[in-house]
Amino acid sequence: MEKIFDVTLENRKRLYKILTETPREQLLEIPEGFNNNVWWNIAHTVITTQILVYKLGKLQMRVPGELVEKFMKGTKPDGTATEEEMKLIADFLISTVEWAKEDFEAGLFQDYTTYTTSAGVTLTSAEDALVFNLYHEGLHAAAIIALLKVVGK
């Protein structure tokens, strides 16, 4: 499990750098041929992990419900973001991984609601969710790289 958290944290550090160093207009641009933007992809990774690990693990998510509603699966960006939202997501990129590691090591994930992802992978534990999350974040990292090429970074 240690390596799963290490890889996730490295990805999140990369996303943090993109979020904090990319011009706002590039983060929010939805290029022709795309249905989302860099900002949405970054926020979505934070939210999805919370849902897959905490909500399905029957624990309280560590992010505000408004962010969950705005960035969960099935949502689409509107091309806007508040400074507060951007700061919260930037802060959550790293802290949520650290909290998940602490909570996992403390043995808090004892119960789990079985869930089959849209990729056809059935998750039966928080550990399954953390492993699947690496795949999920990889997909969104690739989307972010593609978006950045189009929007000019």
C-alpha atoms as a PDB file:
ATOM      1  CA  MET A   1       0.000   0.000   0.000  1.00  0.00           C
ATOM      2  CA  GLU A   2       2.898   2.347   0.663  1.00  0.00           C
ATOM      3  CA  LYS A   3       3.759   2.495  -3.055  1.00  0.00           C
ATOM      4  CA  ILE A   4       0.139   3.275  -3.976  1.00  0.00           C
ATOM      5  CA  PHE A   5       0.195   6.318  -1.720  1.00  0.00           C
ATOM      6  CA  ASP A   6       3.643   7.331  -3.001  1.00  0.00           C
ATOM      7  CA  VAL A   7       2.555   7.192  -6.652  1.00  0.00           C
ATOM      8  CA  THR A   8      -0.684   9.026  -5.913  1.00  0.00           C
ATOM      9  CA  LEU A   9       1.176  11.734  -4.013  1.00  0.00           C
ATOM     10  CA  GLU A  10       3.672  12.225  -6.864  1.00  0.00           C
ATOM     11  CA  ASN A  11       0.825  12.592  -9.338  1.00  0.00           C
ATOM     12  CA  ARG A  12      -0.930  15.056  -7.043  1.00  0.00           C
ATOM     13  CA  LYS A  13       2.262  17.137  -6.712  1.00  0.00           C
ATOM     14  CA  ARG A  14       2.378  17.335 -10.496  1.00  0.00           C
ATOM     15  CA  LEU A  15      -1.273  18.380 -10.636  1.00  0.00           C
ATOM     16  CA  TYR A  16      -0.633  20.981  -7.922  1.00  0.00           C
ATOM     17  CA  LYS A  17       2.190  22.454  -9.983  1.00  0.00           C
ATOM     18  CA  ILE A  18      -0.042  22.601 -13.067  1.00  0.00           C
ATOM     19  CA  LEU A  19      -2.889  24.170 -11.089  1.00  0.00           C
ATOM     20  CA  THR A  20      -0.712  26.812  -9.442  1.00  0.00           C
ATOM     21  CA  GLU A  21       1.553  27.648 -12.393  1.00  0.00           C
ATOM     22  CA  THR A  22      -0.789  27.551 -15.394  1.00  0.00           C
ATOM     23  CA  PRO A  23      -2.549  30.810 -16.315  1.00  0.00           C
ATOM     24  CA  ARG A  24      -6.163  30.807 -15.135  1.00  0.00           C
ATOM     25  CA  GLU A  25      -7.549  31.294 -18.639  1.00  0.00           C
ATOM     26  CA  GLN A  26      -5.737  28.144 -19.804  1.00  0.00           C
ATOM     27  CA  LEU A  27      -7.017  26.162 -16.823  1.00  0.00           C
ATOM     28  CA  LEU A  28     -10.602  27.163 -17.598  1.00  0.00           C
ATOM     29  CA  GLU A  29     -10.583  26.970 -21.395  1.00  0.00           C
ATOM     30  CA  ILE A  30     -12.670  24.208 -22.924  1.00  0.00           C
ATOM     31  CA  PRO A  31     -11.122  23.724 -26.362  1.00  0.00           C
ATOM     32  CA  GLU A  32     -13.125  22.666 -29.384  1.00  0.00           C
ATOM     33  CA  GLY A  33     -13.409  18.894 -29.449  1.00  0.00           C
ATOM     34  CA  PHE A  34     -13.160  18.593 -25.648  1.00  0.00           C
ATOM     35  CA  ASN A  35     -16.000  18.469 -23.113  1.00  0.00           C
ATOM     36  CA  ASN A  36     -13.984  19.603 -20.119  1.00  0.00           C
ATOM     37  CA  ASN A  37     -10.913  21.619 -19.105  1.00  0.00           C
ATOM     38  CA  VAL A  38      -7.710  21.275 -17.100  1.00  0.00           C
ATOM     39  CA  TRP A  39      -9.357  22.720 -13.987  1.00  0.00           C
ATOM     40  CA  TRP A  40     -12.259  20.247 -14.038  1.00  0.00           C
ATOM     41  CA  ASN A  41      -9.924  17.275 -14.542  1.00  0.00           C
ATOM     42  CA  ILE A  42      -7.770  18.281 -11.572  1.00  0.00           C
ATOM     43  CA  ALA A  43     -10.748  18.889  -9.275  1.00  0.00           C
ATOM     44  CA  HIS A  44     -12.410  15.674 -10.470  1.00  0.00           C
ATOM     45  CA  THR A  45      -9.420  13.578  -9.379  1.00  0.00           C
ATOM     46  CA  VAL A  46      -9.714  14.898  -5.821  1.00  0.00           C
ATOM     47  CA  ILE A  47     -13.465  14.371  -5.660  1.00  0.00           C
ATOM     48  CA  THR A  48     -13.504  10.912  -7.220  1.00  0.00           C
ATOM     49  CA  THR A  49     -10.932   9.582  -4.776  1.00  0.00           C
ATOM     50  CA  GLN A  50     -13.028  10.850  -1.897  1.00  0.00           C
ATOM     51  CA  ILE A  51     -16.117   9.116  -3.275  1.00  0.00           C
ATOM     52  CA  LEU A  52     -14.376   5.835  -4.108  1.00  0.00           C
ATOM     53  CA  VAL A  53     -12.411   5.556  -0.882  1.00  0.00           C
ATOM     54  CA  TYR A  54     -14.362   7.438   1.787  1.00  0.00           C
ATOM     55  CA  LYS A  55     -18.001   7.481   0.716  1.00  0.00           C
ATOM     56  CA  LEU A  56     -17.997   3.861  -0.457  1.00  0.00           C
ATOM     57  CA  GLY A  57     -15.852   3.070   2.595  1.00  0.00           C
ATOM     58  CA  LYS A  58     -18.740   4.390   4.695  1.00  0.00           C
ATOM     59  CA  LEU A  59     -16.666   7.210   6.171  1.00  0.00           C
ATOM     60  CA  GLN A  60     -17.205  10.962   6.079  1.00  0.00           C
ATOM     61  CA  MET A  61     -15.641  12.539   3.002  1.00  0.00           C
ATOM     62  CA  ARG A  62     -13.065  15.218   3.757  1.00  0.00           C
ATOM     63  CA  VAL A  63     -14.208  17.634   1.055  1.00  0.00           C
ATOM     64  CA  PRO A  64     -17.254  19.932   0.985  1.00  0.00           C
ATOM     65  CA  GLY A  65     -20.422  18.533  -0.563  1.00  0.00           C
ATOM     66  CA  GLU A  66     -20.645  21.473  -2.972  1.00  0.00           C
ATOM     67  CA  LEU A  67     -17.354  20.444  -4.551  1.00  0.00           C
ATOM     68  CA  VAL A  68     -18.507  16.835  -4.797  1.00  0.00           C
ATOM     69  CA  GLU A  69     -21.676  17.926  -6.604  1.00  0.00           C
ATOM     70  CA  LYS A  70     -19.728  20.133  -8.991  1.00  0.00           C
ATOM     71  CA  PHE A  71     -16.909  17.723  -9.946  1.00  0.00           C
ATOM     72  CA  MET A  72     -18.226  14.178  -9.544  1.00  0.00           C
ATOM     73  CA  LYS A  73     -18.635  11.759 -12.441  1.00  0.00           C
ATOM     74  CA  GLY A  74     -21.184  12.971 -14.945  1.00  0.00           C
ATOM     75  CA  THR A  75     -20.618  16.682 -14.365  1.00  0.00           C
ATOM     76  CA  LYS A  76     -19.265  19.141 -16.895  1.00  0.00           C
ATOM     77  CA  PRO A  77     -17.417  22.402 -16.318  1.00  0.00           C
ATOM     78  CA  ASP A  78     -19.016  25.720 -17.128  1.00  0.00           C
ATOM     79  CA  GLY A  79     -15.694  27.472 -17.779  1.00  0.00           C
ATOM     80  CA  THR A  80     -15.665  29.284 -14.442  1.00  0.00           C
ATOM     81  CA  ALA A  81     -14.086  28.777 -11.029  1.00  0.00           C
ATOM     82  CA  THR A  82     -13.887  30.926  -7.941  1.00  0.00           C
ATOM     83  CA  GLU A  83     -10.573  31.736  -6.281  1.00  0.00           C
ATOM     84  CA  GLU A  84     -11.863  29.945  -3.178  1.00  0.00           C
ATOM     85  CA  GLU A  85     -12.611  26.760  -5.150  1.00  0.00           C
ATOM     86  CA  MET A  86      -9.192  26.814  -6.754  1.00  0.00           C
ATOM     87  CA  LYS A  87      -7.460  27.307  -3.412  1.00  0.00           C
ATOM     88  CA  LEU A  88      -9.492  24.543  -1.774  1.00  0.00           C
ATOM     89  CA  ILE A  89      -8.712  22.057  -4.540  1.00  0.00           C
ATOM     90  CA  ALA A  90      -5.028  23.052  -4.501  1.00  0.00           C
ATOM     91  CA  ASP A  91      -4.936  22.400  -0.753  1.00  0.00           C
ATOM     92  CA  PHE A  92      -6.879  19.132  -1.075  1.00  0.00           C
ATOM     93  CA  LEU A  93      -4.594  17.743  -3.794  1.00  0.00           C
ATOM     94  CA  ILE A  94      -1.937  16.863  -1.237  1.00  0.00           C
ATOM     95  CA  SER A  95      -3.809  16.801   2.086  1.00  0.00           C
ATOM     96  CA  THR A  96      -6.439  14.278   1.002  1.00  0.00           C
ATOM     97  CA  VAL A  97      -3.739  11.767   0.022  1.00  0.00           C
ATOM     98  CA  GLU A  98      -1.964  12.268   3.354  1.00  0.00           C
ATOM     99  CA  TRP A  99      -5.246  11.872   5.266  1.00  0.00           C
ATOM    100  CA  ALA A 100      -6.170   8.725   3.335  1.00  0.00           C
ATOM    101  CA  LYS A 101      -2.798   7.203   4.152  1.00  0.00           C
ATOM    102  CA  GLU A 102      -3.181   8.060   7.845  1.00  0.00           C
ATOM    103  CA  ASP A 103      -6.739   6.731   7.926  1.00  0.00           C
ATOM    104  CA  PHE A 104      -5.742   3.556   6.125  1.00  0.00           C
ATOM    105  CA  GLU A 105      -2.828   2.974   8.513  1.00  0.00           C
ATOM    106  CA  ALA A 106      -5.160   3.613  11.450  1.00  0.00           C
ATOM    107  CA  GLY A 107      -7.442   0.846  10.191  1.00  0.00           C
ATOM    108  CA  LEU A 108     -10.494   3.071   9.678  1.00  0.00           C
ATOM    109  CA  PHE A 109     -11.564   1.411   6.424  1.00  0.00           C
ATOM    110  CA  GLN A 110     -13.358  -1.648   7.770  1.00  0.00           C
ATOM    111  CA  ASP A 111     -16.556  -1.651   5.723  1.00  0.00           C
ATOM    112  CA  TYR A 112     -17.116  -1.011   2.026  1.00  0.00           C
ATOM    113  CA  THR A 113     -20.037  -0.781  -0.382  1.00  0.00           C
ATOM    114  CA  THR A 114     -19.178  -2.913  -3.415  1.00  0.00           C
ATOM    115  CA  TYR A 115     -19.135  -0.805  -6.570  1.00  0.00           C
ATOM    116  CA  THR A 116     -18.505  -1.577 -10.232  1.00  0.00           C
ATOM    117  CA  THR A 117     -16.819   1.309 -12.043  1.00  0.00           C
ATOM    118  CA  SER A 118     -17.656   2.463 -15.551  1.00  0.00           C
ATOM    119  CA  ALA A 119     -14.425   0.715 -16.585  1.00  0.00           C
ATOM    120  CA  GLY A 120     -15.975  -2.577 -15.469  1.00  0.00           C
ATOM    121  CA  VAL A 121     -13.762  -2.995 -12.407  1.00  0.00           C
ATOM    122  CA  THR A 122     -15.572  -4.148  -9.272  1.00  0.00           C
ATOM    123  CA  LEU A 123     -14.280  -2.591  -6.056  1.00  0.00           C
ATOM    124  CA  THR A 124     -14.912  -4.465  -2.818  1.00  0.00           C
ATOM    125  CA  SER A 125     -12.607  -2.605  -0.417  1.00  0.00           C
ATOM    126  CA  ALA A 126     -10.886   0.703   0.166  1.00  0.00           C
ATOM    127  CA  GLU A 127      -7.666  -0.980  -0.947  1.00  0.00           C
ATOM    128  CA  ASP A 128      -9.310  -1.914  -4.268  1.00  0.00           C
ATOM    129  CA  ALA A 129     -10.465   1.700  -4.588  1.00  0.00           C
ATOM    130  CA  LEU A 130      -6.962   3.056  -3.993  1.00  0.00           C
ATOM    131  CA  VAL A 131      -5.507   0.708  -6.614  1.00  0.00           C
ATOM    132  CA  PHE A 132      -8.232   1.628  -9.141  1.00  0.00           C
ATOM    133  CA  ASN A 133      -7.666   5.288  -8.350  1.00  0.00           C
ATOM    134  CA  LEU A 134      -4.156   5.065  -9.838  1.00  0.00           C
ATOM    135  CA  TYR A 135      -5.720   4.046 -13.160  1.00  0.00           C
ATOM    136  CA  HIS A 136      -8.382   6.758 -12.884  1.00  0.00           C
ATOM    137  CA  GLU A 137      -5.882   9.512 -12.115  1.00  0.00           C
ATOM    138  CA  GLY A 138      -3.684   8.288 -14.972  1.00  0.00           C
ATOM    139  CA  LEU A 139      -6.562   8.735 -17.399  1.00  0.00           C
ATOM    140  CA  HIS A 140      -7.149  12.269 -16.208  1.00  0.00           C
ATOM    141  CA  ALA A 141      -3.424  13.089 -16.199  1.00  0.00           C
ATOM    142  CA  ALA A 142      -3.353  12.100 -19.879  1.00  0.00           C
ATOM    143  CA  ALA A 143      -6.391  14.288 -20.561  1.00  0.00           C
ATOM    144  CA  ILE A 144      -4.711  17.201 -18.778  1.00  0.00           C
ATOM    145  CA  ILE A 145      -1.542  16.783 -20.863  1.00  0.00           C
ATOM    146  CA  ALA A 146      -3.625  16.773 -24.051  1.00  0.00           C
ATOM    147  CA  LEU A 147      -5.592  19.826 -22.941  1.00  0.00           C
ATOM    148  CA  LEU A 148      -2.426  21.735 -22.032  1.00  0.00           C
ATOM    149  CA  LYS A 149      -1.012  21.116 -25.515  1.00  0.00           C
ATOM    150  CA  VAL A 150      -4.153  22.572 -27.055  1.00  0.00           C
ATOM    151  CA  VAL A 151      -4.521  25.591 -24.774  1.00  0.00           C
ATOM    152  CA  GLY A 152      -0.924  26.654 -25.175  1.00  0.00           C
ATOM    153  CA  LYS A 153       1.193  25.546 -22.218  1.00  0.00           C
END
